C-alpha atoms as a PDB file:
ATOM      1  CA  MET A   1     107.704 178.138 183.987  1.00  0.00           C
ATOM      2  CA  LEU A   2     107.426 174.505 184.554  1.00  0.00           C
ATOM      3  CA  LYS A   3     104.667 174.406 182.047  1.00  0.00           C
ATOM      4  CA  THR A   4     106.831 176.117 179.508  1.00  0.00           C
ATOM      5  CA  SER A   5     109.624 173.690 180.110  1.00  0.00           C
ATOM      6  CA  LEU A   6     107.257 170.787 179.652  1.00  0.00           C
ATOM      7  CA  LEU A   7     106.013 172.270 176.412  1.00  0.00           C
ATOM      8  CA  VAL A   8     109.608 172.604 175.190  1.00  0.00           C
ATOM      9  CA  VAL A   9     110.376 169.032 176.150  1.00  0.00           C
ATOM     10  CA  ALA A  10     107.233 167.832 174.494  1.00  0.00           C
ATOM     11  CA  GLY A  11     108.106 169.736 171.358  1.00  0.00           C
ATOM     12  CA  LEU A  12     111.587 168.212 171.272  1.00  0.00           C
ATOM     13  CA  ALA A  13     110.154 164.775 171.755  1.00  0.00           C
ATOM     14  CA  ALA A  14     107.678 165.350 168.969  1.00  0.00           C
ATOM     15  CA  GLY A  15     110.473 166.592 166.738  1.00  0.00           C
ATOM     16  CA  LEU A  16     112.590 163.510 167.451  1.00  0.00           C
ATOM     17  CA  ALA A  17     109.630 161.272 166.846  1.00  0.00           C
ATOM     18  CA  LEU A  18     108.972 163.000 163.570  1.00  0.00           C
ATOM     19  CA  ALA A  19     112.604 162.652 162.588  1.00  0.00           C
ATOM     20  CA  PHE A  20     112.600 158.916 163.294  1.00  0.00           C
ATOM     21  CA  TRP A  21     109.399 158.537 161.356  1.00  0.00           C
ATOM     22  CA  LEU A  22     110.740 160.307 158.323  1.00  0.00           C
ATOM     23  CA  GLN A  23     114.173 158.533 158.280  1.00  0.00           C
ATOM     24  CA  PRO A  24     113.035 155.226 156.633  1.00  0.00           C
ATOM     25  CA  SER A  25     111.774 157.108 153.586  1.00  0.00           C
ATOM     26  CA  PHE A  26     115.358 158.194 152.769  1.00  0.00           C
ATOM     27  CA  GLU A  27     117.054 154.775 153.346  1.00  0.00           C
ATOM     28  CA  PRO A  28     116.090 153.229 149.995  1.00  0.00           C
ATOM     29  CA  VAL A  29     117.652 156.125 148.158  1.00  0.00           C
ATOM     30  CA  GLU A  30     120.867 155.819 150.184  1.00  0.00           C
ATOM     31  CA  ALA A  31     120.872 152.073 149.834  1.00  0.00           C
ATOM     32  CA  GLU A  32     120.348 152.367 146.070  1.00  0.00           C
ATOM     33  CA  SER A  33     123.174 154.865 145.849  1.00  0.00           C
ATOM     34  CA  ALA A  34     125.494 152.774 147.986  1.00  0.00           C
ATOM     35  CA  SER A  35     124.865 149.551 145.967  1.00  0.00           C
ATOM     36  CA  GLY A  36     125.989 151.264 142.735  1.00  0.00           C
ATOM     37  CA  THR A  37     122.948 150.196 140.773  1.00  0.00           C
ATOM     38  CA  ALA A  38     122.648 152.524 137.760  1.00  0.00           C
ATOM     39  CA  PRO A  39     119.473 154.439 137.499  1.00  0.00           C
ATOM     40  CA  ALA A  40     117.221 153.830 134.573  1.00  0.00           C
ATOM     41  CA  PRO A  41     118.582 156.589 132.361  1.00  0.00           C
ATOM     42  CA  ARG A  42     122.192 155.365 132.761  1.00  0.00           C
ATOM     43  CA  SER A  43     121.269 151.723 131.841  1.00  0.00           C
ATOM     44  CA  SER A  44     119.690 152.884 128.588  1.00  0.00           C
ATOM     45  CA  LEU A  45     122.854 154.797 127.699  1.00  0.00           C
ATOM     46  CA  ASP A  46     125.106 151.767 128.255  1.00  0.00           C
ATOM     47  CA  GLU A  47     122.832 149.585 126.173  1.00  0.00           C
ATOM     48  CA  ALA A  48     122.939 152.138 123.376  1.00  0.00           C
ATOM     49  CA  LEU A  49     126.748 152.288 123.508  1.00  0.00           C
ATOM     50  CA  SER A  50     127.064 148.479 123.448  1.00  0.00           C
ATOM     51  CA  GLU A  51     124.741 148.231 120.492  1.00  0.00           C
ATOM     52  CA  ALA A  52     126.792 150.880 118.655  1.00  0.00           C
ATOM     53  CA  ARG A  53     130.023 148.980 119.305  1.00  0.00           C
ATOM     54  CA  LEU A  54     128.464 145.736 118.080  1.00  0.00           C
ATOM     55  CA  ASN A  55     127.240 147.409 114.929  1.00  0.00           C
ATOM     56  CA  ALA A  56     130.736 148.846 114.285  1.00  0.00           C
ATOM     57  CA  LEU A  57     132.339 145.419 114.710  1.00  0.00           C
ATOM     58  CA  GLU A  58     129.834 143.838 112.356  1.00  0.00           C
ATOM     59  CA  ASP A  59     130.511 146.552 109.766  1.00  0.00           C
ATOM     60  CA  ALA A  60     134.296 146.035 110.045  1.00  0.00           C
ATOM     61  CA  PHE A  61     133.933 142.250 109.695  1.00  0.00           C
ATOM     62  CA  ALA A  62     131.681 142.660 106.656  1.00  0.00           C
ATOM     63  CA  ALA A  63     134.219 145.034 105.058  1.00  0.00           C
ATOM     64  CA  GLU A  64     137.058 142.540 105.665  1.00  0.00           C
ATOM     65  CA  VAL A  65     135.014 139.740 104.123  1.00  0.00           C
ATOM     66  CA  ASP A  66     134.352 141.905 101.057  1.00  0.00           C
ATOM     67  CA  GLN A  67     138.063 142.687 100.722  1.00  0.00           C
ATOM     68  CA  ARG A  68     138.991 139.002 100.899  1.00  0.00           C
ATOM     69  CA  VAL A  69     136.386 138.095  98.296  1.00  0.00           C
ATOM     70  CA  GLU A  70     137.679 140.839  96.001  1.00  0.00           C
ATOM     71  CA  LEU A  71     141.296 139.680  96.523  1.00  0.00           C
ATOM     72  CA  GLU A  72     140.421 136.069  95.744  1.00  0.00           C
ATOM     73  CA  ALA A  73     138.632 137.168  92.580  1.00  0.00           C
ATOM     74  CA  ARG A  74     141.691 139.214  91.548  1.00  0.00           C
ATOM     75  CA  VAL A  75     144.036 136.266  92.156  1.00  0.00           C
ATOM     76  CA  ALA A  76     141.786 134.003  90.101  1.00  0.00           C
ATOM     77  CA  GLU A  77     141.755 136.525  87.262  1.00  0.00           C
ATOM     78  CA  LEU A  78     145.558 136.865  87.267  1.00  0.00           C
ATOM     79  CA  SER A  79     145.973 133.082  87.364  1.00  0.00           C
ATOM     80  CA  ALA A  80     143.697 132.751  84.351  1.00  0.00           C
ATOM     81  CA  ARG A  81     145.707 135.379  82.453  1.00  0.00           C
ATOM     82  CA  LEU A  82     149.032 133.698  83.280  1.00  0.00           C
ATOM     83  CA  GLU A  83     147.684 130.332  82.209  1.00  0.00           C
ATOM     84  CA  ALA A  84     146.462 131.814  78.949  1.00  0.00           C
ATOM     85  CA  LEU A  85     149.829 133.455  78.300  1.00  0.00           C
ATOM     86  CA  GLY A  86     151.646 130.227  79.049  1.00  0.00           C
ATOM     87  CA  GLN A  87     149.505 128.181  76.667  1.00  0.00           C
ATOM     88  CA  SER A  88     149.302 130.587  73.740  1.00  0.00           C
ATOM     89  CA  PRO A  89     152.898 130.066  72.435  1.00  0.00           C
ATOM     90  CA  ALA A  90     152.446 126.290  72.561  1.00  0.00           C
ATOM     91  CA  ARG A  91     149.339 126.358  70.392  1.00  0.00           C
ATOM     92  CA  VAL A  92     150.700 125.394  67.014  1.00  0.00           C
ATOM     93  CA  PRO A  93     149.037 123.723  64.052  1.00  0.00           C
ATOM     94  CA  ARG A  94     148.589 119.995  64.384  1.00  0.00           C
ATOM     95  CA  GLY A  95     151.131 119.270  61.690  1.00  0.00           C
ATOM     96  CA  ASP A  96     153.832 121.387  63.383  1.00  0.00           C
ATOM     97  CA  GLN A  97     153.547 119.930  66.896  1.00  0.00           C
ATOM     98  CA  SER A  98     156.364 117.435  66.392  1.00  0.00           C
ATOM     99  CA  ALA A  99     158.674 120.141  65.063  1.00  0.00           C
ATOM    100  CA  SER A 100     157.932 122.480  67.973  1.00  0.00           C
ATOM    101  CA  ASN A 101     158.634 119.732  70.499  1.00  0.00           C
ATOM    102  CA  ALA A 102     161.841 118.605  68.816  1.00  0.00           C
ATOM    103  CA  PRO A 103     165.042 119.511  70.703  1.00  0.00           C
ATOM    104  CA  ASP A 104     167.335 122.153  69.256  1.00  0.00           C
ATOM    105  CA  PRO A 105     170.077 120.351  67.266  1.00  0.00           C
ATOM    106  CA  ALA A 106     172.659 122.882  68.460  1.00  0.00           C
ATOM    107  CA  ILE A 107     171.821 122.133  72.100  1.00  0.00           C
ATOM    108  CA  VAL A 108     171.971 118.385  71.461  1.00  0.00           C
ATOM    109  CA  GLU A 109     175.344 118.850  69.761  1.00  0.00           C
ATOM    110  CA  GLN A 110     176.742 120.880  72.683  1.00  0.00           C
ATOM    111  CA  ARG A 111     175.573 118.317  75.223  1.00  0.00           C
ATOM    112  CA  ALA A 112     177.112 115.474  73.236  1.00  0.00           C
ATOM    113  CA  ARG A 113     180.389 117.398  72.908  1.00  0.00           C
ATOM    114  CA  ARG A 114     180.541 118.107  76.665  1.00  0.00           C
ATOM    115  CA  ARG A 115     179.794 114.456  77.323  1.00  0.00           C
ATOM    116  CA  GLU A 116     182.690 113.378  75.107  1.00  0.00           C
ATOM    117  CA  LEU A 117     185.154 115.847  76.621  1.00  0.00           C
ATOM    118  CA  ALA A 118     184.225 114.828  80.154  1.00  0.00           C
ATOM    119  CA  ALA A 119     184.537 111.103  79.426  1.00  0.00           C
ATOM    120  CA  THR A 120     187.615 109.012  80.173  1.00  0.00           C
ATOM    121  CA  PRO A 121     189.567 107.457  77.241  1.00  0.00           C
ATOM    122  CA  GLU A 122     187.610 104.257  77.793  1.00  0.00           C
ATOM    123  CA  GLY A 123     184.409 106.264  77.879  1.00  0.00           C
ATOM    124  CA  ARG A 124     185.231 108.078  74.648  1.00  0.00           C
ATOM    125  CA  GLU A 125     186.009 104.767  72.964  1.00  0.00           C
ATOM    126  CA  ARG A 126     182.669 103.400  74.122  1.00  0.00           C
ATOM    127  CA  LEU A 127     180.876 106.493  72.785  1.00  0.00           C
ATOM    128  CA  VAL A 128     182.546 106.113  69.363  1.00  0.00           C
ATOM    129  CA  ILE A 129     181.507 102.474  69.182  1.00  0.00           C
ATOM    130  CA  GLU A 130     177.965 103.419  70.200  1.00  0.00           C
ATOM    131  CA  ARG A 131     177.776 106.010  67.407  1.00  0.00           C
ATOM    132  CA  LEU A 132     179.102 103.571  64.820  1.00  0.00           C
ATOM    133  CA  THR A 133     176.665 100.899  65.960  1.00  0.00           C
ATOM    134  CA  ALA A 134     173.798 103.383  65.773  1.00  0.00           C
ATOM    135  CA  ALA A 135     174.904 104.178  62.196  1.00  0.00           C
ATOM    136  CA  GLY A 136     174.332 100.543  61.209  1.00  0.00           C
ATOM    137  CA  PHE A 137     177.724  98.903  61.764  1.00  0.00           C
ATOM    138  CA  ALA A 138     177.865  95.571  63.562  1.00  0.00           C
ATOM    139  CA  PRO A 139     179.435  95.798  67.061  1.00  0.00           C
ATOM    140  CA  ASP A 140     182.589  93.897  66.057  1.00  0.00           C
ATOM    141  CA  ARG A 141     182.886  96.007  62.891  1.00  0.00           C
ATOM    142  CA  ALA A 142     182.480  99.174  64.942  1.00  0.00           C
ATOM    143  CA  GLU A 143     185.253  98.054  67.307  1.00  0.00           C
ATOM    144  CA  TRP A 144     187.536  97.320  64.354  1.00  0.00           C
ATOM    145  CA  ILE A 145     186.894 100.750  62.787  1.00  0.00           C
ATOM    146  CA  ASN A 146     187.659 102.485  66.070  1.00  0.00           C
ATOM    147  CA  ARG A 147     190.886 100.551  66.546  1.00  0.00           C
ATOM    148  CA  ARG A 148     191.902 101.028  62.908  1.00  0.00           C
ATOM    149  CA  THR A 149     191.459 104.813  63.064  1.00  0.00           C
ATOM    150  CA  GLU A 150     193.702 104.933  66.139  1.00  0.00           C
ATOM    151  CA  GLU A 151     196.361 102.824  64.390  1.00  0.00           C
ATOM    152  CA  LEU A 152     196.315 105.065  61.301  1.00  0.00           C
ATOM    153  CA  ARG A 153     196.523 108.162  63.451  1.00  0.00           C
ATOM    154  CA  MET A 154     199.584 106.802  65.249  1.00  0.00           C
ATOM    155  CA  LYS A 155     201.256 105.951  61.926  1.00  0.00           C
ATOM    156  CA  ALA A 156     200.558 109.461  60.646  1.00  0.00           C
ATOM    157  CA  LEU A 157     202.104 111.016  63.777  1.00  0.00           C
ATOM    158  CA  GLN A 158     205.177 108.800  63.457  1.00  0.00           C
ATOM    159  CA  GLU A 159     205.622 109.664  59.757  1.00  0.00           C
ATOM    160  CA  GLN A 160     205.329 113.386  60.491  1.00  0.00           C
ATOM    161  CA  TYR A 161     207.910 113.037  63.253  1.00  0.00           C
ATOM    162  CA  ASP A 162     210.393 111.127  61.064  1.00  0.00           C
ATOM    163  CA  ALA A 163     209.925 113.502  58.121  1.00  0.00           C
ATOM    164  CA  ARG A 164     210.591 116.544  60.308  1.00  0.00           C
ATOM    165  CA  ARG A 165     213.754 115.016  61.743  1.00  0.00           C
ATOM    166  CA  GLU A 166     215.000 114.080  58.250  1.00  0.00           C
ATOM    167  CA  GLY A 167     214.011 117.399  56.682  1.00  0.00           C
ATOM    168  CA  ARG A 168     211.668 115.972  54.075  1.00  0.00           C
ATOM    169  CA  ALA A 169     207.975 115.995  53.255  1.00  0.00           C
ATOM    170  CA  PRO A 170     205.833 113.283  54.867  1.00  0.00           C
ATOM    171  CA  ALA A 171     205.417 110.252  52.608  1.00  0.00           C
ATOM    172  CA  GLY A 172     202.372 108.028  52.251  1.00  0.00           C
ATOM    173  CA  ASP A 173     198.844 108.551  53.507  1.00  0.00           C
ATOM    174  CA  PHE A 174     197.914 107.197  56.889  1.00  0.00           C
ATOM    175  CA  GLY A 175     194.716 109.169  57.378  1.00  0.00           C
ATOM    176  CA  ASP A 176     191.162 109.249  56.083  1.00  0.00           C
ATOM    177  CA  ASN A 177     192.038 108.208  52.542  1.00  0.00           C
ATOM    178  CA  THR A 178     193.455 104.880  53.753  1.00  0.00           C
ATOM    179  CA  LEU A 179     190.370 104.227  55.863  1.00  0.00           C
ATOM    180  CA  ARG A 180     188.186 105.274  52.936  1.00  0.00           C
ATOM    181  CA  THR A 181     189.845 102.706  50.693  1.00  0.00           C
ATOM    182  CA  GLU A 182     189.521  99.968  53.305  1.00  0.00           C
ATOM    183  CA  LEU A 183     185.865 100.701  54.095  1.00  0.00           C
ATOM    184  CA  GLY A 184     184.556 101.528  50.634  1.00  0.00           C
ATOM    185  CA  GLU A 185     182.533 104.598  49.638  1.00  0.00           C
ATOM    186  CA  ALA A 186     179.219 103.614  51.243  1.00  0.00           C
ATOM    187  CA  ASP A 187     180.621 102.546  54.619  1.00  0.00           C
ATOM    188  CA  TYR A 188     183.037 105.464  54.641  1.00  0.00           C
ATOM    189  CA  GLU A 189     180.127 107.878  54.214  1.00  0.00           C
ATOM    190  CA  ARG A 190     178.281 106.165  57.074  1.00  0.00           C
ATOM    191  CA  TYR A 191     181.428 106.409  59.186  1.00  0.00           C
ATOM    192  CA  ARG A 192     181.805 110.144  58.551  1.00  0.00           C
ATOM    193  CA  THR A 193     178.124 110.743  59.299  1.00  0.00           C
ATOM    194  CA  ALA A 194     178.400 108.829  62.571  1.00  0.00           C
ATOM    195  CA  MET A 195     181.522 110.769  63.548  1.00  0.00           C
ATOM    196  CA  GLY A 196     179.901 114.111  62.771  1.00  0.00           C
ATOM    197  CA  GLN A 197     182.138 114.875  59.778  1.00  0.00           C
ATOM    198  CA  PRO A 198     180.956 116.510  56.531  1.00  0.00           C
ATOM    199  CA  THR A 199     179.904 114.310  53.640  1.00  0.00           C
ATOM    200  CA  SER A 200     179.855 117.048  50.998  1.00  0.00           C
ATOM    201  CA  ALA A 201     181.471 120.377  50.106  1.00  0.00           C
ATOM    202  CA  GLY A 202     179.077 123.095  51.193  1.00  0.00           C
ATOM    203  CA  VAL A 203     178.776 126.337  49.229  1.00  0.00           C
ATOM    204  CA  GLY A 204     178.804 129.382  51.487  1.00  0.00           C
ATOM    205  CA  ASP A 205     178.871 132.208  48.960  1.00  0.00           C
ATOM    206  CA  VAL A 206     179.205 132.508  45.188  1.00  0.00           C
ATOM    207  CA  LEU A 207     181.499 135.209  43.831  1.00  0.00           C
ATOM    208  CA  ALA A 208     180.165 137.505  41.131  1.00  0.00           C
ATOM    209  CA  SER A 209     181.165 136.683  37.522  1.00  0.00           C
ATOM    210  CA  SER A 210     182.738 133.408  38.708  1.00  0.00           C
ATOM    211  CA  PRO A 211     182.477 130.010  36.960  1.00  0.00           C
ATOM    212  CA  ALA A 212     180.271 128.898  39.844  1.00  0.00           C
ATOM    213  CA  GLU A 213     177.811 131.750  39.220  1.00  0.00           C
ATOM    214  CA  ARG A 214     177.720 131.083  35.490  1.00  0.00           C
ATOM    215  CA  ALA A 215     177.169 127.384  36.129  1.00  0.00           C
ATOM    216  CA  GLY A 216     174.213 128.154  38.399  1.00  0.00           C
ATOM    217  CA  LEU A 217     175.596 127.289  41.842  1.00  0.00           C
ATOM    218  CA  LEU A 218     173.791 128.969  44.739  1.00  0.00           C
ATOM    219  CA  PRO A 219     174.695 129.580  48.388  1.00  0.00           C
ATOM    220  CA  GLY A 220     173.594 126.595  50.435  1.00  0.00           C
ATOM    221  CA  ASP A 221     174.231 124.042  47.684  1.00  0.00           C
ATOM    222  CA  GLU A 222     176.197 120.897  48.509  1.00  0.00           C
ATOM    223  CA  ILE A 223     178.706 119.537  46.003  1.00  0.00           C
ATOM    224  CA  VAL A 224     178.740 115.750  46.436  1.00  0.00           C
ATOM    225  CA  ALA A 225     180.778 114.765  43.361  1.00  0.00           C
ATOM    226  CA  TYR A 226     183.209 116.429  40.938  1.00  0.00           C
ATOM    227  CA  GLY A 227     183.972 114.819  37.592  1.00  0.00           C
ATOM    228  CA  GLY A 228     182.366 111.563  38.754  1.00  0.00           C
ATOM    229  CA  LYS A 229     184.459 111.356  41.953  1.00  0.00           C
ATOM    230  CA  ARG A 230     182.802 111.483  45.339  1.00  0.00           C
ATOM    231  CA  VAL A 231     183.492 114.651  47.349  1.00  0.00           C
ATOM    232  CA  PHE A 232     183.344 114.604  51.138  1.00  0.00           C
ATOM    233  CA  ASP A 233     184.793 118.014  51.993  1.00  0.00           C
ATOM    234  CA  VAL A 234     186.210 121.208  50.494  1.00  0.00           C
ATOM    235  CA  GLY A 235     189.784 119.891  50.642  1.00  0.00           C
ATOM    236  CA  GLU A 236     188.927 117.016  48.332  1.00  0.00           C
ATOM    237  CA  LEU A 237     187.074 119.387  45.997  1.00  0.00           C
ATOM    238  CA  ASN A 238     190.084 121.689  45.689  1.00  0.00           C
ATOM    239  CA  ALA A 239     192.376 118.737  44.997  1.00  0.00           C
ATOM    240  CA  LEU A 240     190.084 117.484  42.215  1.00  0.00           C
ATOM    241  CA  THR A 241     190.084 120.876  40.463  1.00  0.00           C
ATOM    242  CA  LEU A 242     193.852 120.471  39.957  1.00  0.00           C
ATOM    243  CA  GLU A 243     193.477 117.202  38.078  1.00  0.00           C
ATOM    244  CA  GLY A 244     192.894 116.834  34.325  1.00  0.00           C
ATOM    245  CA  THR A 245     193.124 119.691  31.829  1.00  0.00           C
ATOM    246  CA  SER A 246     192.515 123.211  32.966  1.00  0.00           C
ATOM    247  CA  GLY A 247     189.331 124.700  31.496  1.00  0.00           C
ATOM    248  CA  GLU A 248     187.792 121.413  30.368  1.00  0.00           C
ATOM    249  CA  SER A 249     184.100 120.906  31.153  1.00  0.00           C
ATOM    250  CA  VAL A 250     183.411 118.954  34.309  1.00  0.00           C
ATOM    251  CA  VAL A 251     180.078 117.637  35.578  1.00  0.00           C
ATOM    252  CA  ILE A 252     179.430 118.285  39.263  1.00  0.00           C
ATOM    253  CA  ASP A 253     176.713 116.573  41.297  1.00  0.00           C
ATOM    254  CA  VAL A 254     174.868 119.039  43.518  1.00  0.00           C
ATOM    255  CA  ARG A 255     172.298 118.578  46.264  1.00  0.00           C
ATOM    256  CA  ARG A 256     169.945 121.558  46.655  1.00  0.00           C
ATOM    257  CA  ASP A 257     167.125 121.554  49.209  1.00  0.00           C
ATOM    258  CA  GLY A 258     167.190 117.765  49.258  1.00  0.00           C
ATOM    259  CA  GLN A 259     167.030 117.482  45.445  1.00  0.00           C
ATOM    260  CA  ASN A 260     169.911 116.093  43.355  1.00  0.00           C
ATOM    261  CA  MET A 261     170.991 117.841  40.127  1.00  0.00           C
ATOM    262  CA  GLN A 262     173.978 118.086  37.822  1.00  0.00           C
ATOM    263  CA  LEU A 263     175.735 121.227  36.590  1.00  0.00           C
ATOM    264  CA  VAL A 264     178.587 121.718  34.123  1.00  0.00           C
ATOM    265  CA  ILE A 265     181.551 123.890  35.110  1.00  0.00           C
ATOM    266  CA  PRO A 266     185.057 124.429  33.670  1.00  0.00           C
ATOM    267  CA  ARG A 267     187.870 122.763  35.594  1.00  0.00           C
ATOM    268  CA  GLY A 268     189.699 125.259  37.745  1.00  0.00           C
ATOM    269  CA  PRO A 269     188.832 127.659  40.542  1.00  0.00           C
ATOM    270  CA  LEU A 270     185.089 127.611  41.165  1.00  0.00           C
ATOM    271  CA  GLY A 271     184.753 131.010  42.847  1.00  0.00           C
ATOM    272  CA  ILE A 272     182.943 129.942  45.986  1.00  0.00           C
ATOM    273  CA  THR A 273     183.534 130.202  49.708  1.00  0.00           C
ATOM    274  CA  ALA A 274     183.097 127.152  51.870  1.00  0.00           C
ATOM    275  CA  GLY A 275     179.892 126.790  53.843  1.00  0.00           C
ATOM    276  CA  VAL A 276     179.934 126.363  57.611  1.00  0.00           C
ATOM    277  CA  PHE A 277     179.669 122.740  58.689  1.00  0.00           C
ATOM    278  CA  ARG A 278     177.807 122.249  62.001  1.00  0.00           C
ATOM    279  CA  GLY A 279     178.493 118.603  62.709  1.00  0.00           C
ATOM    280  CA  ARG A 280     180.114 117.071  65.773  1.00  0.00           C
ATOM    281  CA  PRO A 281     183.911 117.009  65.659  1.00  0.00           C
ATOM    282  CA  GLY A 282     185.489 113.583  65.410  1.00  0.00           C
ATOM    283  CA  GLY A 283     187.949 111.417  63.498  1.00  0.00           C
ATOM    284  CA  PHE A 284     191.365 112.637  62.387  1.00  0.00           C
ATOM    285  CA  PRO A 285     192.457 116.242  62.996  1.00  0.00           C
ATOM    286  CA  ARG A 286     192.942 118.335  59.823  1.00  0.00           C
END
């Protein structure tokens, strides 16, 4: 019995000894598991995933670079087209460059008119003197002409006032004709040009079967003299047709496309409509 018990105890001791001997072989596995170190197969998987992410980022960056290059090329192409469109209208023959760069006379006229209307009385007087000086008048002569036109205008207003109160027609001439006589034909023409007034009677239209048509007048012609007398506007032309003998032959001086010519027409109605004058307003009101 005792022997059996000893055998049991010896067996237990041997089992415990065997257990202690085998325990160290399992510690590295437990330690490896506890430290969280990935086994070899898991490390290979992470490396593969990281490499895939890196490749995806490189592909996205390359695609963005390509898009930017394409966009820059498109912008350059559009800029070249716009530049070409902007230059093509300005490409004119060498002889026409000055004409294309010249300001529009209508715009210049409008600006000058606004400038005059916005100016004070002193400013308007200064502008008139500047125009007369630019037309070739001496400064003192320009000042005299400006003052004389104002004096004649005041006399004309006073005569119209007195005639209306007295119930009669105005007497005398205190307008352009007086200034014309005082200046002479050449200076008076320069004055009218400087003031933006017509210096001829323009032909707007020629009526069919009229004396003007038979004489050879054309739309756009300028009548500068009638029967040897200088004509500065349509009013003077109409007044001259009433002089002399009706139906007699009269020589008229005509300017056509910059060329001067003479035509013969019977005295009386010409059969024309007045052309539109596009000069700057100035001088006496009509």
